N, C-alpha and C. Protein backbone atom coordinates (compact mmCIF):
# COMPACT_ATOMS: atom_id res chain seq x y z
N MET A 1 0.85 -1.20 0.00
CA MET A 1 0.00 0.00 0.00
C MET A 1 0.88 1.24 0.00
N PRO A 2 0.57 2.23 -0.89
CA PRO A 2 1.36 3.46 -0.91
C PRO A 2 1.34 4.14 0.45
N LYS A 3 2.46 4.87 0.74
CA LYS A 3 2.58 5.52 2.05
C LYS A 3 1.46 6.53 2.29
N ARG A 4 1.07 7.26 1.24
CA ARG A 4 0.00 8.26 1.42
C ARG A 4 -1.30 7.59 1.84
N ALA A 5 -1.60 6.44 1.22
CA ALA A 5 -2.83 5.72 1.57
C ALA A 5 -2.76 5.23 3.01
N GLU A 6 -1.57 4.77 3.44
CA GLU A 6 -1.42 4.32 4.82
C GLU A 6 -1.61 5.48 5.79
N ASP A 7 -1.06 6.65 5.43
CA ASP A 7 -1.22 7.83 6.29
C ASP A 7 -2.69 8.23 6.41
N ASP A 8 -3.40 8.18 5.27
CA ASP A 8 -4.83 8.53 5.28
C ASP A 8 -5.61 7.55 6.15
N ARG A 9 -5.27 6.27 6.07
CA ARG A 9 -5.97 5.27 6.87
C ARG A 9 -5.69 5.48 8.35
N ASP A 10 -4.44 5.82 8.68
CA ASP A 10 -4.08 6.07 10.08
C ASP A 10 -4.84 7.28 10.62
N LYS A 11 -4.95 8.33 9.79
CA LYS A 11 -5.67 9.53 10.24
C LYS A 11 -7.15 9.22 10.46
N LEU A 12 -7.74 8.41 9.54
CA LEU A 12 -9.14 8.04 9.68
C LEU A 12 -9.36 7.22 10.93
N GLY A 13 -8.43 6.27 11.18
CA GLY A 13 -8.56 5.44 12.37
C GLY A 13 -8.45 6.25 13.65
N ALA A 14 -7.61 7.27 13.63
CA ALA A 14 -7.43 8.10 14.81
C ALA A 14 -8.66 8.96 15.08
N SER A 15 -9.42 9.29 14.02
CA SER A 15 -10.60 10.14 14.18
C SER A 15 -11.85 9.37 14.54
N LEU A 16 -11.83 8.05 14.37
CA LEU A 16 -12.99 7.23 14.68
C LEU A 16 -13.08 6.94 16.18
N PRO A 17 -14.31 6.82 16.72
CA PRO A 17 -14.43 6.41 18.12
C PRO A 17 -14.06 4.94 18.27
N ALA A 18 -13.91 4.50 19.50
CA ALA A 18 -13.60 3.09 19.75
C ALA A 18 -14.71 2.22 19.16
N GLU A 19 -14.34 1.02 18.73
CA GLU A 19 -15.31 0.15 18.05
C GLU A 19 -16.52 -0.13 18.93
N GLN A 20 -16.30 -0.47 20.20
CA GLN A 20 -17.42 -0.78 21.09
C GLN A 20 -18.32 0.44 21.30
N THR A 21 -17.71 1.62 21.40
CA THR A 21 -18.49 2.85 21.58
C THR A 21 -19.37 3.11 20.37
N GLN A 22 -18.79 2.97 19.16
CA GLN A 22 -19.56 3.23 17.95
C GLN A 22 -20.65 2.18 17.77
N ALA A 23 -20.33 0.93 18.06
CA ALA A 23 -21.33 -0.14 17.94
C ALA A 23 -22.49 0.10 18.90
N ARG A 24 -22.18 0.59 20.10
CA ARG A 24 -23.24 0.87 21.08
C ARG A 24 -24.14 2.00 20.60
N ARG A 25 -23.54 3.01 19.96
CA ARG A 25 -24.34 4.13 19.44
C ARG A 25 -25.31 3.66 18.36
N PHE A 26 -24.80 2.85 17.42
CA PHE A 26 -25.66 2.36 16.35
C PHE A 26 -26.74 1.43 16.89
N SER A 27 -26.38 0.64 17.90
CA SER A 27 -27.35 -0.26 18.50
C SER A 27 -28.47 0.51 19.17
N THR A 28 -28.12 1.61 19.84
CA THR A 28 -29.13 2.46 20.48
C THR A 28 -30.05 3.08 19.44
N ALA A 29 -29.47 3.51 18.31
CA ALA A 29 -30.28 4.11 17.24
C ALA A 29 -31.24 3.09 16.64
N ARG A 30 -30.77 1.84 16.46
CA ARG A 30 -31.65 0.80 15.91
C ARG A 30 -32.78 0.49 16.88
N ALA A 31 -32.48 0.47 18.16
CA ALA A 31 -33.52 0.21 19.16
C ALA A 31 -34.57 1.31 19.15
N ALA A 32 -34.11 2.56 18.99
CA ALA A 32 -35.05 3.69 18.94
C ALA A 32 -35.93 3.59 17.70
N GLN A 33 -35.35 3.18 16.57
CA GLN A 33 -36.14 3.02 15.35
C GLN A 33 -37.19 1.94 15.53
N SER A 34 -36.84 0.88 16.23
CA SER A 34 -37.77 -0.22 16.45
C SER A 34 -38.95 0.23 17.30
N GLY A 35 -38.68 1.07 18.31
CA GLY A 35 -39.76 1.52 19.18
C GLY A 35 -40.53 2.70 18.66
N ALA A 36 -39.99 3.38 17.64
CA ALA A 36 -40.64 4.59 17.11
C ALA A 36 -42.03 4.29 16.58
N LEU A 37 -42.21 3.18 15.91
CA LEU A 37 -43.50 2.85 15.32
C LEU A 37 -44.55 2.66 16.41
N HIS A 38 -44.19 1.93 17.47
CA HIS A 38 -45.12 1.73 18.59
C HIS A 38 -45.51 3.07 19.20
N GLU A 39 -44.53 3.95 19.37
CA GLU A 39 -44.79 5.25 19.98
C GLU A 39 -45.74 6.08 19.13
N ASP A 40 -45.50 6.11 17.81
CA ASP A 40 -46.36 6.89 16.92
C ASP A 40 -47.80 6.39 16.96
N TYR A 41 -47.97 5.08 16.92
CA TYR A 41 -49.32 4.51 16.96
C TYR A 41 -50.00 4.77 18.30
N ALA A 42 -49.28 4.55 19.39
CA ALA A 42 -49.87 4.75 20.72
C ALA A 42 -50.26 6.21 20.92
N GLU A 43 -49.40 7.11 20.47
CA GLU A 43 -49.68 8.54 20.62
C GLU A 43 -50.90 8.94 19.81
N LEU A 44 -51.00 8.47 18.58
CA LEU A 44 -52.14 8.82 17.73
C LEU A 44 -53.43 8.21 18.28
N ILE A 45 -53.38 6.97 18.75
CA ILE A 45 -54.58 6.34 19.32
C ILE A 45 -55.06 7.13 20.52
N ALA A 46 -54.14 7.57 21.38
CA ALA A 46 -54.51 8.37 22.54
C ALA A 46 -55.16 9.68 22.11
N ASP A 47 -54.59 10.32 21.08
CA ASP A 47 -55.15 11.57 20.57
C ASP A 47 -56.57 11.37 20.03
N LEU A 48 -56.76 10.30 19.25
CA LEU A 48 -58.07 10.04 18.67
C LEU A 48 -59.11 9.73 19.75
N LEU A 49 -58.73 8.95 20.74
CA LEU A 49 -59.65 8.61 21.82
C LEU A 49 -60.05 9.86 22.61
N ALA A 50 -59.07 10.75 22.85
CA ALA A 50 -59.35 11.97 23.60
C ALA A 50 -60.22 12.92 22.80
N ALA A 51 -60.02 12.96 21.48
CA ALA A 51 -60.73 13.93 20.65
C ALA A 51 -62.10 13.43 20.20
N THR A 52 -62.21 12.14 19.87
CA THR A 52 -63.45 11.63 19.28
C THR A 52 -64.08 10.48 20.06
N GLY A 53 -63.35 9.91 21.02
CA GLY A 53 -63.89 8.80 21.79
C GLY A 53 -63.67 7.45 21.16
N GLU A 54 -63.09 7.42 19.96
CA GLU A 54 -62.80 6.15 19.32
C GLU A 54 -61.59 6.27 18.41
N ALA A 55 -60.92 5.14 18.22
CA ALA A 55 -59.75 5.10 17.34
C ALA A 55 -59.93 3.91 16.40
N ARG A 56 -60.46 4.19 15.23
CA ARG A 56 -60.71 3.14 14.25
C ARG A 56 -59.47 2.92 13.39
N PRO A 57 -59.21 1.68 13.00
CA PRO A 57 -58.04 1.42 12.15
C PRO A 57 -58.03 2.26 10.88
N THR A 58 -59.21 2.53 10.31
CA THR A 58 -59.28 3.36 9.11
C THR A 58 -58.76 4.77 9.36
N ASP A 59 -59.16 5.35 10.50
CA ASP A 59 -58.70 6.69 10.84
C ASP A 59 -57.21 6.71 11.14
N ILE A 60 -56.74 5.67 11.83
CA ILE A 60 -55.32 5.56 12.14
C ILE A 60 -54.49 5.50 10.86
N ALA A 61 -54.94 4.67 9.92
CA ALA A 61 -54.22 4.52 8.65
C ALA A 61 -54.16 5.84 7.90
N ARG A 62 -55.29 6.55 7.83
CA ARG A 62 -55.32 7.81 7.09
C ARG A 62 -54.40 8.85 7.72
N ARG A 63 -54.43 8.97 9.03
CA ARG A 63 -53.64 10.01 9.70
C ARG A 63 -52.14 9.69 9.68
N LEU A 64 -51.78 8.43 9.64
CA LEU A 64 -50.36 8.06 9.58
C LEU A 64 -49.88 7.93 8.13
N GLY A 65 -50.80 8.00 7.18
CA GLY A 65 -50.41 7.91 5.77
C GLY A 65 -49.95 6.53 5.36
N VAL A 66 -50.58 5.50 5.93
CA VAL A 66 -50.23 4.12 5.58
C VAL A 66 -51.48 3.41 5.07
N SER A 67 -51.29 2.23 4.51
CA SER A 67 -52.43 1.47 4.02
C SER A 67 -53.21 0.89 5.20
N HIS A 68 -54.47 0.54 4.93
CA HIS A 68 -55.30 -0.06 5.98
C HIS A 68 -54.69 -1.38 6.45
N ALA A 69 -54.15 -2.16 5.51
CA ALA A 69 -53.54 -3.45 5.87
C ALA A 69 -52.33 -3.25 6.78
N THR A 70 -51.51 -2.22 6.50
CA THR A 70 -50.34 -1.93 7.34
C THR A 70 -50.78 -1.54 8.74
N ALA A 71 -51.83 -0.71 8.84
CA ALA A 71 -52.32 -0.29 10.15
C ALA A 71 -52.83 -1.49 10.94
N ILE A 72 -53.56 -2.37 10.30
CA ILE A 72 -54.09 -3.56 10.98
C ILE A 72 -52.95 -4.43 11.49
N LYS A 73 -51.92 -4.59 10.69
CA LYS A 73 -50.77 -5.42 11.08
C LYS A 73 -50.05 -4.82 12.27
N THR A 74 -49.85 -3.50 12.27
CA THR A 74 -49.14 -2.87 13.38
C THR A 74 -49.99 -2.86 14.65
N ILE A 75 -51.29 -2.65 14.51
CA ILE A 75 -52.19 -2.70 15.67
C ILE A 75 -52.15 -4.09 16.31
N ALA A 76 -52.06 -5.13 15.48
CA ALA A 76 -51.96 -6.50 16.00
C ALA A 76 -50.69 -6.66 16.82
N ARG A 77 -49.60 -6.02 16.38
CA ARG A 77 -48.34 -6.07 17.14
C ARG A 77 -48.49 -5.34 18.47
N LEU A 78 -49.19 -4.21 18.46
CA LEU A 78 -49.43 -3.48 19.72
C LEU A 78 -50.19 -4.36 20.70
N LYS A 79 -51.17 -5.08 20.20
CA LYS A 79 -51.95 -5.96 21.07
C LYS A 79 -51.09 -7.09 21.62
N ARG A 80 -50.24 -7.67 20.78
CA ARG A 80 -49.36 -8.76 21.23
C ARG A 80 -48.39 -8.26 22.30
N ASP A 81 -47.97 -7.00 22.20
CA ASP A 81 -47.02 -6.44 23.15
C ASP A 81 -47.70 -5.84 24.38
N GLY A 82 -49.02 -6.02 24.49
CA GLY A 82 -49.73 -5.56 25.66
C GLY A 82 -49.95 -4.06 25.73
N LEU A 83 -49.88 -3.39 24.57
CA LEU A 83 -50.05 -1.94 24.53
C LEU A 83 -51.46 -1.52 24.14
N ALA A 84 -52.19 -2.40 23.49
CA ALA A 84 -53.53 -2.05 23.01
C ALA A 84 -54.46 -3.25 23.13
N THR A 85 -55.73 -2.95 23.07
CA THR A 85 -56.75 -3.98 23.08
C THR A 85 -57.87 -3.52 22.17
N GLY A 86 -58.81 -4.39 21.89
CA GLY A 86 -59.90 -4.00 21.01
C GLY A 86 -61.00 -5.04 21.01
N ALA A 87 -62.13 -4.65 20.46
CA ALA A 87 -63.27 -5.54 20.33
C ALA A 87 -63.90 -5.28 18.97
N PRO A 88 -64.59 -6.28 18.42
CA PRO A 88 -65.21 -6.10 17.11
C PRO A 88 -66.14 -4.89 17.08
N TYR A 89 -65.98 -4.07 16.05
CA TYR A 89 -66.81 -2.89 15.81
C TYR A 89 -66.65 -1.81 16.89
N ARG A 90 -65.61 -1.90 17.71
CA ARG A 90 -65.41 -0.90 18.76
C ARG A 90 -64.07 -0.18 18.65
N GLY A 91 -63.28 -0.47 17.63
CA GLY A 91 -62.02 0.22 17.44
C GLY A 91 -60.92 -0.29 18.37
N VAL A 92 -59.92 0.57 18.58
CA VAL A 92 -58.73 0.21 19.34
C VAL A 92 -58.67 1.04 20.61
N PHE A 93 -58.24 0.42 21.70
CA PHE A 93 -58.07 1.12 22.97
C PHE A 93 -56.68 0.82 23.51
N LEU A 94 -56.14 1.72 24.29
CA LEU A 94 -54.83 1.52 24.89
C LEU A 94 -54.96 0.88 26.26
N THR A 95 -54.04 -0.01 26.56
CA THR A 95 -53.95 -0.54 27.91
C THR A 95 -53.25 0.50 28.79
N LYS A 96 -53.14 0.20 30.06
CA LYS A 96 -52.42 1.10 30.96
C LYS A 96 -50.98 1.29 30.50
N LYS A 97 -50.37 0.20 30.05
CA LYS A 97 -49.00 0.26 29.53
C LYS A 97 -48.93 1.10 28.25
N GLY A 98 -49.93 0.94 27.38
CA GLY A 98 -49.95 1.71 26.15
C GLY A 98 -50.16 3.19 26.38
N LEU A 99 -51.03 3.53 27.36
CA LEU A 99 -51.26 4.93 27.67
C LEU A 99 -50.00 5.58 28.24
N ALA A 100 -49.27 4.83 29.08
CA ALA A 100 -48.02 5.37 29.63
C ALA A 100 -47.01 5.65 28.52
N LEU A 101 -46.95 4.75 27.52
CA LEU A 101 -46.05 4.95 26.38
C LEU A 101 -46.47 6.20 25.60
N ALA A 102 -47.77 6.37 25.38
CA ALA A 102 -48.25 7.53 24.65
C ALA A 102 -47.92 8.83 25.38
N GLU A 103 -48.07 8.82 26.70
CA GLU A 103 -47.77 10.03 27.48
C GLU A 103 -46.29 10.39 27.41
N ARG A 104 -45.43 9.38 27.49
CA ARG A 104 -43.99 9.65 27.40
C ARG A 104 -43.64 10.21 26.02
N ALA A 105 -44.22 9.63 24.98
CA ALA A 105 -43.95 10.09 23.62
C ALA A 105 -44.44 11.52 23.42
N LYS A 106 -45.62 11.82 23.94
CA LYS A 106 -46.18 13.16 23.80
C LYS A 106 -45.31 14.19 24.52
N ALA A 107 -44.90 13.89 25.75
CA ALA A 107 -44.08 14.83 26.52
C ALA A 107 -42.73 15.05 25.84
N ARG A 108 -42.14 13.98 25.29
CA ARG A 108 -40.85 14.12 24.62
C ARG A 108 -40.99 14.93 23.34
N HIS A 109 -42.09 14.72 22.63
CA HIS A 109 -42.33 15.50 21.41
C HIS A 109 -42.44 16.99 21.74
N ARG A 110 -43.21 17.33 22.76
CA ARG A 110 -43.37 18.74 23.12
C ARG A 110 -42.04 19.34 23.57
N LEU A 111 -41.25 18.55 24.26
CA LEU A 111 -39.95 19.04 24.72
C LEU A 111 -39.06 19.39 23.52
N VAL A 112 -39.02 18.50 22.53
CA VAL A 112 -38.20 18.75 21.34
C VAL A 112 -38.73 19.96 20.58
N VAL A 113 -40.05 20.06 20.41
CA VAL A 113 -40.64 21.20 19.71
C VAL A 113 -40.31 22.50 20.42
N ASP A 114 -40.50 22.54 21.74
CA ASP A 114 -40.25 23.77 22.49
C ASP A 114 -38.78 24.17 22.43
N THR A 115 -37.89 23.20 22.42
CA THR A 115 -36.46 23.51 22.31
C THR A 115 -36.14 24.09 20.94
N LEU A 116 -36.68 23.48 19.89
CA LEU A 116 -36.45 24.00 18.54
C LEU A 116 -37.03 25.40 18.38
N LEU A 117 -38.21 25.63 18.93
CA LEU A 117 -38.81 26.97 18.85
C LEU A 117 -37.94 27.99 19.57
N ALA A 118 -37.39 27.60 20.73
CA ALA A 118 -36.54 28.51 21.48
C ALA A 118 -35.27 28.85 20.72
N LEU A 119 -34.85 27.94 19.83
CA LEU A 119 -33.65 28.18 19.02
C LEU A 119 -33.96 28.99 17.76
N GLY A 120 -35.24 29.30 17.55
CA GLY A 120 -35.60 30.12 16.40
C GLY A 120 -36.12 29.36 15.20
N VAL A 121 -36.35 28.06 15.34
CA VAL A 121 -36.89 27.27 14.22
C VAL A 121 -38.36 27.63 14.03
N PRO A 122 -38.82 27.86 12.79
CA PRO A 122 -40.23 28.17 12.55
C PRO A 122 -41.14 27.06 13.08
N PRO A 123 -42.34 27.40 13.56
CA PRO A 123 -43.23 26.42 14.18
C PRO A 123 -43.50 25.18 13.34
N GLU A 124 -43.83 25.37 12.05
CA GLU A 124 -44.16 24.22 11.21
C GLU A 124 -42.95 23.30 11.05
N ALA A 125 -41.76 23.88 10.85
CA ALA A 125 -40.54 23.07 10.73
C ALA A 125 -40.22 22.37 12.04
N ALA A 126 -40.45 23.05 13.16
CA ALA A 126 -40.18 22.45 14.47
C ALA A 126 -41.06 21.22 14.69
N GLU A 127 -42.34 21.35 14.34
CA GLU A 127 -43.27 20.22 14.50
C GLU A 127 -42.85 19.05 13.61
N ALA A 128 -42.51 19.35 12.35
CA ALA A 128 -42.14 18.29 11.41
C ALA A 128 -40.83 17.62 11.82
N ASP A 129 -39.82 18.42 12.20
CA ASP A 129 -38.54 17.85 12.58
C ASP A 129 -38.65 17.02 13.86
N ALA A 130 -39.50 17.47 14.78
CA ALA A 130 -39.64 16.75 16.05
C ALA A 130 -40.20 15.35 15.84
N GLU A 131 -41.00 15.17 14.78
CA GLU A 131 -41.56 13.84 14.52
C GLU A 131 -40.47 12.79 14.33
N GLY A 132 -39.35 13.20 13.77
CA GLY A 132 -38.25 12.25 13.60
C GLY A 132 -37.29 12.25 14.77
N MET A 133 -37.02 13.44 15.34
CA MET A 133 -36.02 13.56 16.39
C MET A 133 -36.48 12.99 17.73
N GLU A 134 -37.79 13.07 18.01
CA GLU A 134 -38.27 12.75 19.35
C GLU A 134 -37.95 11.32 19.78
N HIS A 135 -37.86 10.41 18.83
CA HIS A 135 -37.64 9.00 19.17
C HIS A 135 -36.18 8.72 19.54
N PHE A 136 -35.28 9.65 19.25
CA PHE A 136 -33.86 9.40 19.45
C PHE A 136 -33.26 10.26 20.56
N VAL A 137 -34.12 10.95 21.32
CA VAL A 137 -33.64 11.79 22.41
C VAL A 137 -33.35 10.92 23.62
N SER A 138 -32.08 10.85 24.00
CA SER A 138 -31.68 10.06 25.16
C SER A 138 -32.02 10.80 26.44
N GLU A 139 -31.90 10.12 27.57
CA GLU A 139 -32.20 10.77 28.85
C GLU A 139 -31.25 11.93 29.14
N PRO A 140 -29.93 11.81 28.91
CA PRO A 140 -29.05 12.97 29.12
C PRO A 140 -29.43 14.16 28.24
N THR A 141 -29.82 13.89 26.98
CA THR A 141 -30.22 14.98 26.09
C THR A 141 -31.53 15.59 26.56
N ARG A 142 -32.47 14.76 26.98
CA ARG A 142 -33.74 15.27 27.49
C ARG A 142 -33.51 16.19 28.69
N THR A 143 -32.63 15.77 29.58
CA THR A 143 -32.32 16.58 30.76
C THR A 143 -31.68 17.91 30.35
N ALA A 144 -30.79 17.85 29.37
CA ALA A 144 -30.13 19.08 28.89
C ALA A 144 -31.15 20.03 28.25
N PHE A 145 -32.10 19.48 27.49
CA PHE A 145 -33.15 20.32 26.90
C PHE A 145 -33.97 21.00 27.98
N LEU A 146 -34.33 20.25 29.02
CA LEU A 146 -35.11 20.82 30.12
C LEU A 146 -34.34 21.94 30.81
N GLN A 147 -33.06 21.71 31.06
CA GLN A 147 -32.24 22.74 31.72
C GLN A 147 -32.13 23.98 30.84
N PHE A 148 -32.00 23.77 29.53
CA PHE A 148 -31.91 24.89 28.60
C PHE A 148 -33.19 25.73 28.65
N LEU A 149 -34.35 25.07 28.61
CA LEU A 149 -35.62 25.79 28.66
C LEU A 149 -35.82 26.49 30.00
N LYS A 150 -35.36 25.85 31.08
CA LYS A 150 -35.48 26.48 32.39
C LYS A 150 -34.61 27.73 32.48
N SER A 151 -33.44 27.69 31.84
CA SER A 151 -32.57 28.87 31.85
C SER A 151 -33.22 30.01 31.09
N LEU A 152 -33.95 29.69 30.01
CA LEU A 152 -34.66 30.73 29.27
C LEU A 152 -35.84 31.27 30.09
N ARG A 153 -36.44 30.38 30.84
CA ARG A 153 -37.59 30.79 31.65
C ARG A 153 -37.21 31.88 32.64
N SER A 154 -36.00 31.80 33.17
CA SER A 154 -35.57 32.80 34.15
C SER A 154 -35.34 34.17 33.51
N LEU A 155 -35.25 34.22 32.16
CA LEU A 155 -35.02 35.47 31.45
C LEU A 155 -36.27 36.02 30.78
N SER A 156 -37.32 35.19 30.69
CA SER A 156 -38.48 35.58 29.90
C SER A 156 -39.68 35.89 30.76
N ALA A 157 -40.62 36.64 30.20
CA ALA A 157 -41.88 36.92 30.85
C ALA A 157 -42.95 36.99 29.76
N PRO A 158 -44.01 36.16 29.83
CA PRO A 158 -44.25 35.19 30.89
C PRO A 158 -43.28 34.02 30.81
N ALA A 159 -43.15 33.27 31.89
CA ALA A 159 -42.18 32.19 31.96
C ALA A 159 -42.56 31.07 30.99
N LEU A 160 -41.51 30.39 30.50
CA LEU A 160 -41.74 29.20 29.69
C LEU A 160 -42.33 28.10 30.56
N GLU A 161 -43.26 27.37 30.01
CA GLU A 161 -43.87 26.27 30.75
C GLU A 161 -42.86 25.15 30.90
N ASP A 162 -42.87 24.51 32.06
CA ASP A 162 -42.00 23.36 32.27
C ASP A 162 -42.64 22.16 31.58
N VAL A 163 -42.18 21.87 30.35
CA VAL A 163 -42.81 20.84 29.55
C VAL A 163 -42.66 19.46 30.16
N GLY A 164 -41.69 19.28 31.04
CA GLY A 164 -41.52 17.97 31.65
C GLY A 164 -42.55 17.67 32.70
N ALA A 165 -43.36 18.65 33.10
CA ALA A 165 -44.32 18.44 34.17
C ALA A 165 -45.75 18.62 33.67
N ARG A 166 -46.00 18.40 32.38
CA ARG A 166 -47.33 18.60 31.85
C ARG A 166 -48.26 17.49 32.34
N PRO A 167 -49.50 17.81 32.68
CA PRO A 167 -50.42 16.80 33.20
C PRO A 167 -50.92 15.89 32.11
N ARG A 168 -51.59 14.83 32.51
CA ARG A 168 -52.11 13.87 31.57
C ARG A 168 -53.12 14.50 30.63
N SER A 169 -53.82 15.54 31.08
CA SER A 169 -54.82 16.20 30.24
C SER A 169 -54.20 16.81 28.99
N HIS A 170 -52.85 16.87 28.90
CA HIS A 170 -52.19 17.40 27.71
C HIS A 170 -52.44 16.49 26.50
N LEU A 171 -52.83 15.22 26.75
CA LEU A 171 -53.09 14.30 25.66
C LEU A 171 -54.49 14.56 25.11
N ARG A 172 -54.66 15.67 24.43
CA ARG A 172 -55.95 16.02 23.86
C ARG A 172 -55.74 16.53 22.45
N GLY A 173 -56.70 16.21 21.60
CA GLY A 173 -56.64 16.67 20.22
C GLY A 173 -55.84 15.72 19.36
N ALA A 174 -56.27 15.56 18.11
CA ALA A 174 -55.59 14.64 17.21
C ALA A 174 -54.42 15.28 16.51
N THR A 175 -54.22 16.58 16.69
CA THR A 175 -53.06 17.24 16.13
C THR A 175 -52.37 18.03 17.20
N ARG A 176 -51.11 18.37 16.95
CA ARG A 176 -50.34 19.09 17.93
C ARG A 176 -50.33 20.57 17.57
N SER A 177 -50.26 21.41 18.58
CA SER A 177 -50.17 22.85 18.32
C SER A 177 -48.85 23.36 18.84
N PRO A 178 -48.22 24.30 18.12
CA PRO A 178 -46.93 24.83 18.57
C PRO A 178 -47.07 25.66 19.81
N SER A 179 -45.96 25.91 20.48
CA SER A 179 -45.97 26.72 21.67
C SER A 179 -46.38 28.14 21.32
N PRO A 180 -47.03 28.86 22.25
CA PRO A 180 -47.47 30.23 21.97
C PRO A 180 -46.31 31.11 21.59
N PRO A 181 -46.53 32.06 20.65
CA PRO A 181 -45.43 32.93 20.20
C PRO A 181 -44.94 33.86 21.30
N ASP A 182 -45.76 34.10 22.36
CA ASP A 182 -45.32 35.03 23.39
C ASP A 182 -44.30 34.42 24.32
N GLN A 183 -43.84 33.20 24.00
CA GLN A 183 -42.81 32.58 24.81
C GLN A 183 -41.42 32.91 24.30
N GLU A 184 -41.30 33.78 23.27
CA GLU A 184 -39.99 34.17 22.79
C GLU A 184 -39.24 34.92 23.88
N VAL A 185 -37.96 34.66 23.96
CA VAL A 185 -37.13 35.34 24.95
C VAL A 185 -36.64 36.65 24.36
N PRO A 186 -36.87 37.80 25.00
CA PRO A 186 -36.39 39.08 24.44
C PRO A 186 -34.88 39.11 24.38
N SER A 187 -34.34 39.74 23.33
CA SER A 187 -32.89 39.80 23.16
C SER A 187 -32.29 40.78 24.14
N MET A 188 -30.99 40.64 24.37
CA MET A 188 -30.28 41.55 25.28
C MET A 188 -30.33 42.97 24.75
N ALA A 189 -30.33 43.12 23.41
CA ALA A 189 -30.36 44.47 22.84
C ALA A 189 -31.66 45.17 23.18
N ARG A 190 -32.80 44.45 23.05
CA ARG A 190 -34.08 45.08 23.35
C ARG A 190 -34.20 45.39 24.83
N ARG A 191 -33.68 44.50 25.67
CA ARG A 191 -33.74 44.78 27.12
C ARG A 191 -32.89 45.98 27.46
N GLY A 192 -31.69 46.08 26.83
CA GLY A 192 -30.81 47.21 27.11
C GLY A 192 -31.45 48.52 26.68
N ALA A 193 -32.16 48.49 25.53
CA ALA A 193 -32.81 49.70 25.06
C ALA A 193 -33.89 50.14 26.03
N ARG A 194 -34.65 49.19 26.58
CA ARG A 194 -35.69 49.55 27.53
C ARG A 194 -35.10 50.15 28.79
N GLU A 195 -33.97 49.56 29.26
CA GLU A 195 -33.35 50.07 30.48
C GLU A 195 -32.82 51.48 30.27
N ARG A 196 -32.19 51.73 29.10
CA ARG A 196 -31.68 53.08 28.82
C ARG A 196 -32.80 54.09 28.71
N GLY A 197 -33.95 53.65 28.13
CA GLY A 197 -35.09 54.54 28.04
C GLY A 197 -35.64 54.90 29.39
N ALA A 198 -35.65 53.90 30.31
CA ALA A 198 -36.19 54.15 31.64
C ALA A 198 -35.31 55.14 32.40
N LYS A 199 -33.99 55.06 32.21
CA LYS A 199 -33.08 55.97 32.91
C LYS A 199 -33.22 57.39 32.39
N GLY A 200 -33.61 57.55 31.11
CA GLY A 200 -33.63 58.88 30.54
C GLY A 200 -34.95 59.61 30.78
N ARG A 201 -35.97 58.90 31.40
CA ARG A 201 -37.24 59.57 31.62
C ARG A 201 -37.16 60.56 32.76
N ALA A 202 -37.98 61.63 32.64
CA ALA A 202 -38.05 62.61 33.74
C ALA A 202 -38.84 62.01 34.88
N PRO A 203 -38.49 62.27 36.11
CA PRO A 203 -39.22 61.72 37.25
C PRO A 203 -40.64 62.26 37.28
N ALA A 204 -41.54 61.38 37.76
CA ALA A 204 -42.96 61.77 37.84
C ALA A 204 -43.15 62.85 38.88
N VAL A 205 -44.05 63.83 38.59
CA VAL A 205 -44.32 64.94 39.53
C VAL A 205 -45.51 64.56 40.40
């Protein structure tokens, strides 16, 4: 092998993480992909039940953009895994385990959306991007997102909602709504301008 090729290989090897570390990262990503489907279905079923009182396979298929046969197959997997139950002509219902999964998925989705909004991502893009990102947020990352939002809360008025403490009643509606626009954090420049203006006012008589 030419010396230049050997040098390039050595540089590449030096920049790569340890084999076990990289394998663990990919394994975690594959596990998240495997659970993402269950989370999406459980979350949508919870939304439909809260909004309309029923979650029919036809409605689930349409809202997820999949065929009716695909929805039926995945719902059967949810039932086998103890996440859902159902009866003829009565649609799909979540078990206690399935509802807990839906609540975790919903809270994580809102956390990712609120973080993206705080970074300046447009609402529609934040909602769309969160659909893919939410399944891969690890516990350390989730904690970091919460701390980031809490730090913004101390600078903003009204305060940012603590998305990690949302009640179960948050599982309402078949669609998600972005965080209110009044949760933007004012820039240091605007705050400085207000302070300078206050100092320059004449005292009240």
